[in-house]
């Protein structure tokens, strides 16, 4: 998994797999889901991230 925040355009992209994006769908305003040919989620894009996330440039990673 790769999480990337672009502060210049205020977008967070969470890449879940190395799959090829075949289709994208804006699930909620500003939340875009990317799918492969089989309907699996490849990535999640959050537009205007600083308005939706408290600290878009900070990540806490936990493994349980």
N, C-alpha and C. Protein backbone atom coordinates (compact mmCIF):
# COMPACT_ATOMS: atom_id res chain seq x y z
N UNK A 1 0.84 -1.16 0.00
CA UNK A 1 0.00 0.00 0.00
C UNK A 1 0.89 1.23 0.00
N UNK A 2 0.48 2.23 -0.78
CA UNK A 2 1.21 3.49 -0.85
C UNK A 2 0.21 4.61 -0.59
N UNK A 3 0.58 5.53 0.30
CA UNK A 3 -0.26 6.70 0.58
C UNK A 3 0.56 7.93 0.21
N UNK A 4 -0.02 8.76 -0.66
CA UNK A 4 0.70 9.94 -1.14
C UNK A 4 -0.19 11.17 -0.98
N UNK A 5 0.36 12.22 -0.38
CA UNK A 5 -0.36 13.49 -0.24
C UNK A 5 0.35 14.53 -1.08
N UNK A 6 -0.38 15.18 -1.97
CA UNK A 6 0.17 16.25 -2.80
C UNK A 6 -0.40 17.56 -2.26
N UNK A 7 0.43 18.28 -1.51
CA UNK A 7 -0.05 19.51 -0.86
C UNK A 7 -0.35 20.62 -1.85
N UNK A 8 0.29 20.58 -3.03
CA UNK A 8 0.04 21.62 -4.03
C UNK A 8 -1.39 21.57 -4.57
N UNK A 9 -1.93 20.39 -4.72
CA UNK A 9 -3.31 20.25 -5.21
C UNK A 9 -4.26 19.72 -4.13
N UNK A 10 -3.73 19.50 -2.92
CA UNK A 10 -4.51 19.08 -1.75
C UNK A 10 -5.28 17.78 -2.00
N UNK A 11 -4.54 16.77 -2.46
CA UNK A 11 -5.15 15.47 -2.78
C UNK A 11 -4.35 14.35 -2.11
N UNK A 12 -5.07 13.41 -1.50
CA UNK A 12 -4.45 12.20 -0.96
C UNK A 12 -4.85 11.04 -1.88
N UNK A 13 -3.87 10.21 -2.24
CA UNK A 13 -4.17 9.00 -3.01
C UNK A 13 -3.64 7.81 -2.23
N UNK A 14 -4.51 6.85 -2.00
CA UNK A 14 -4.17 5.61 -1.31
C UNK A 14 -4.19 4.50 -2.36
N UNK A 15 -3.02 3.99 -2.70
CA UNK A 15 -2.90 2.93 -3.69
C UNK A 15 -2.88 1.60 -2.95
N UNK A 16 -3.90 0.78 -3.17
CA UNK A 16 -4.04 -0.47 -2.44
C UNK A 16 -3.35 -1.63 -3.12
N UNK A 17 -3.36 -1.64 -4.46
CA UNK A 17 -2.73 -2.72 -5.22
C UNK A 17 -2.01 -2.13 -6.43
N UNK A 18 -1.27 -2.98 -7.13
CA UNK A 18 -0.60 -2.56 -8.36
C UNK A 18 -1.49 -2.78 -9.58
N UNK A 19 -2.77 -3.04 -9.36
CA UNK A 19 -3.68 -3.29 -10.46
C UNK A 19 -3.85 -2.08 -11.36
N UNK A 20 -4.30 -2.32 -12.57
CA UNK A 20 -4.55 -1.27 -13.56
C UNK A 20 -5.95 -0.72 -13.33
N UNK A 21 -6.07 0.60 -13.26
CA UNK A 21 -7.37 1.24 -13.08
C UNK A 21 -8.16 1.15 -14.38
N UNK A 22 -9.33 0.51 -14.29
CA UNK A 22 -10.20 0.36 -15.45
C UNK A 22 -11.39 1.31 -15.37
N UNK A 23 -11.76 1.69 -14.15
CA UNK A 23 -12.94 2.53 -13.96
C UNK A 23 -12.79 3.30 -12.66
N UNK A 24 -13.33 4.50 -12.64
CA UNK A 24 -13.33 5.31 -11.43
C UNK A 24 -14.76 5.76 -11.16
N UNK A 25 -15.09 5.88 -9.87
CA UNK A 25 -16.44 6.28 -9.47
C UNK A 25 -16.34 7.21 -8.28
N UNK A 26 -16.99 8.37 -8.37
CA UNK A 26 -17.02 9.30 -7.24
C UNK A 26 -18.12 8.85 -6.30
N UNK A 27 -17.72 8.09 -5.27
CA UNK A 27 -18.66 7.49 -4.32
C UNK A 27 -19.42 8.55 -3.55
N UNK A 28 -18.71 9.48 -2.99
CA UNK A 28 -19.24 10.65 -2.27
C UNK A 28 -18.54 11.86 -2.87
N UNK A 29 -19.08 13.05 -2.70
CA UNK A 29 -18.39 14.23 -3.25
C UNK A 29 -16.94 14.31 -2.77
N UNK A 30 -16.00 14.29 -3.72
CA UNK A 30 -14.59 14.41 -3.40
C UNK A 30 -13.90 13.11 -3.01
N UNK A 31 -14.61 11.99 -3.05
CA UNK A 31 -14.03 10.68 -2.73
C UNK A 31 -14.17 9.80 -3.98
N UNK A 32 -13.05 9.50 -4.61
CA UNK A 32 -13.07 8.75 -5.86
C UNK A 32 -12.46 7.37 -5.64
N UNK A 33 -13.19 6.35 -6.03
CA UNK A 33 -12.73 4.97 -5.92
C UNK A 33 -12.29 4.49 -7.29
N UNK A 34 -11.10 3.90 -7.38
CA UNK A 34 -10.59 3.34 -8.63
C UNK A 34 -10.71 1.82 -8.58
N UNK A 35 -11.22 1.23 -9.66
CA UNK A 35 -11.46 -0.20 -9.74
C UNK A 35 -10.69 -0.82 -10.90
N UNK A 36 -10.34 -2.11 -10.75
CA UNK A 36 -9.73 -2.84 -11.86
C UNK A 36 -10.84 -3.48 -12.70
N UNK A 37 -10.46 -4.27 -13.69
CA UNK A 37 -11.44 -4.92 -14.57
C UNK A 37 -12.37 -5.89 -13.86
N UNK A 38 -11.97 -6.37 -12.68
CA UNK A 38 -12.76 -7.35 -11.94
C UNK A 38 -13.62 -6.71 -10.86
N UNK A 39 -13.59 -5.37 -10.75
CA UNK A 39 -14.38 -4.67 -9.75
C UNK A 39 -13.70 -4.54 -8.40
N UNK A 40 -12.42 -4.92 -8.31
CA UNK A 40 -11.67 -4.78 -7.07
C UNK A 40 -11.17 -3.34 -6.94
N UNK A 41 -11.15 -2.83 -5.71
CA UNK A 41 -10.66 -1.47 -5.49
C UNK A 41 -9.15 -1.45 -5.61
N UNK A 42 -8.66 -0.57 -6.48
CA UNK A 42 -7.23 -0.39 -6.70
C UNK A 42 -6.71 0.77 -5.87
N UNK A 43 -7.52 1.83 -5.75
CA UNK A 43 -7.08 3.00 -5.01
C UNK A 43 -8.23 3.90 -4.62
N UNK A 44 -7.92 4.83 -3.72
CA UNK A 44 -8.90 5.79 -3.21
C UNK A 44 -8.26 7.17 -3.30
N UNK A 45 -8.97 8.10 -3.89
CA UNK A 45 -8.48 9.47 -4.01
C UNK A 45 -9.39 10.39 -3.20
N UNK A 46 -8.79 11.25 -2.37
CA UNK A 46 -9.54 12.20 -1.57
C UNK A 46 -9.18 13.60 -2.05
N UNK A 47 -10.15 14.28 -2.66
CA UNK A 47 -9.95 15.64 -3.12
C UNK A 47 -10.18 16.63 -1.98
N UNK A 48 -9.52 17.77 -2.02
CA UNK A 48 -9.63 18.77 -0.94
C UNK A 48 -9.38 18.12 0.41
N UNK A 49 -8.31 17.36 0.49
CA UNK A 49 -8.01 16.52 1.65
C UNK A 49 -7.93 17.30 2.96
N UNK A 50 -7.37 18.50 2.93
CA UNK A 50 -7.21 19.27 4.17
C UNK A 50 -8.56 19.67 4.77
N UNK A 51 -9.62 19.65 3.98
CA UNK A 51 -10.96 19.94 4.48
C UNK A 51 -11.62 18.70 5.09
N UNK A 52 -11.13 17.51 4.73
CA UNK A 52 -11.76 16.26 5.16
C UNK A 52 -10.95 15.50 6.21
N UNK A 53 -9.65 15.77 6.27
CA UNK A 53 -8.75 15.02 7.15
C UNK A 53 -7.98 16.00 8.03
N UNK A 54 -7.90 15.72 9.34
CA UNK A 54 -7.25 16.64 10.26
C UNK A 54 -5.80 16.93 9.90
N UNK A 55 -5.02 15.92 9.65
CA UNK A 55 -3.60 16.08 9.32
C UNK A 55 -3.30 15.28 8.05
N UNK A 56 -3.58 15.85 6.87
CA UNK A 56 -3.39 15.07 5.64
C UNK A 56 -1.94 14.69 5.37
N UNK A 57 -0.99 15.39 5.96
CA UNK A 57 0.42 15.07 5.73
C UNK A 57 1.02 14.24 6.85
N UNK A 58 0.19 13.73 7.78
CA UNK A 58 0.66 12.88 8.85
C UNK A 58 -0.05 11.53 8.81
N UNK A 59 0.71 10.46 9.01
CA UNK A 59 0.13 9.12 8.93
C UNK A 59 0.54 8.32 10.18
N UNK A 60 -0.41 7.63 10.74
CA UNK A 60 -0.13 6.67 11.81
C UNK A 60 -0.41 5.29 11.25
N UNK A 61 0.58 4.44 11.29
CA UNK A 61 0.47 3.09 10.73
C UNK A 61 0.44 2.10 11.87
N UNK A 62 -0.60 1.29 11.92
CA UNK A 62 -0.73 0.30 12.99
C UNK A 62 -0.96 -1.08 12.38
N UNK A 63 -0.33 -2.07 12.97
CA UNK A 63 -0.55 -3.46 12.59
C UNK A 63 -1.07 -4.18 13.82
N UNK A 64 -2.21 -4.81 13.68
CA UNK A 64 -2.80 -5.51 14.84
C UNK A 64 -2.74 -7.00 14.63
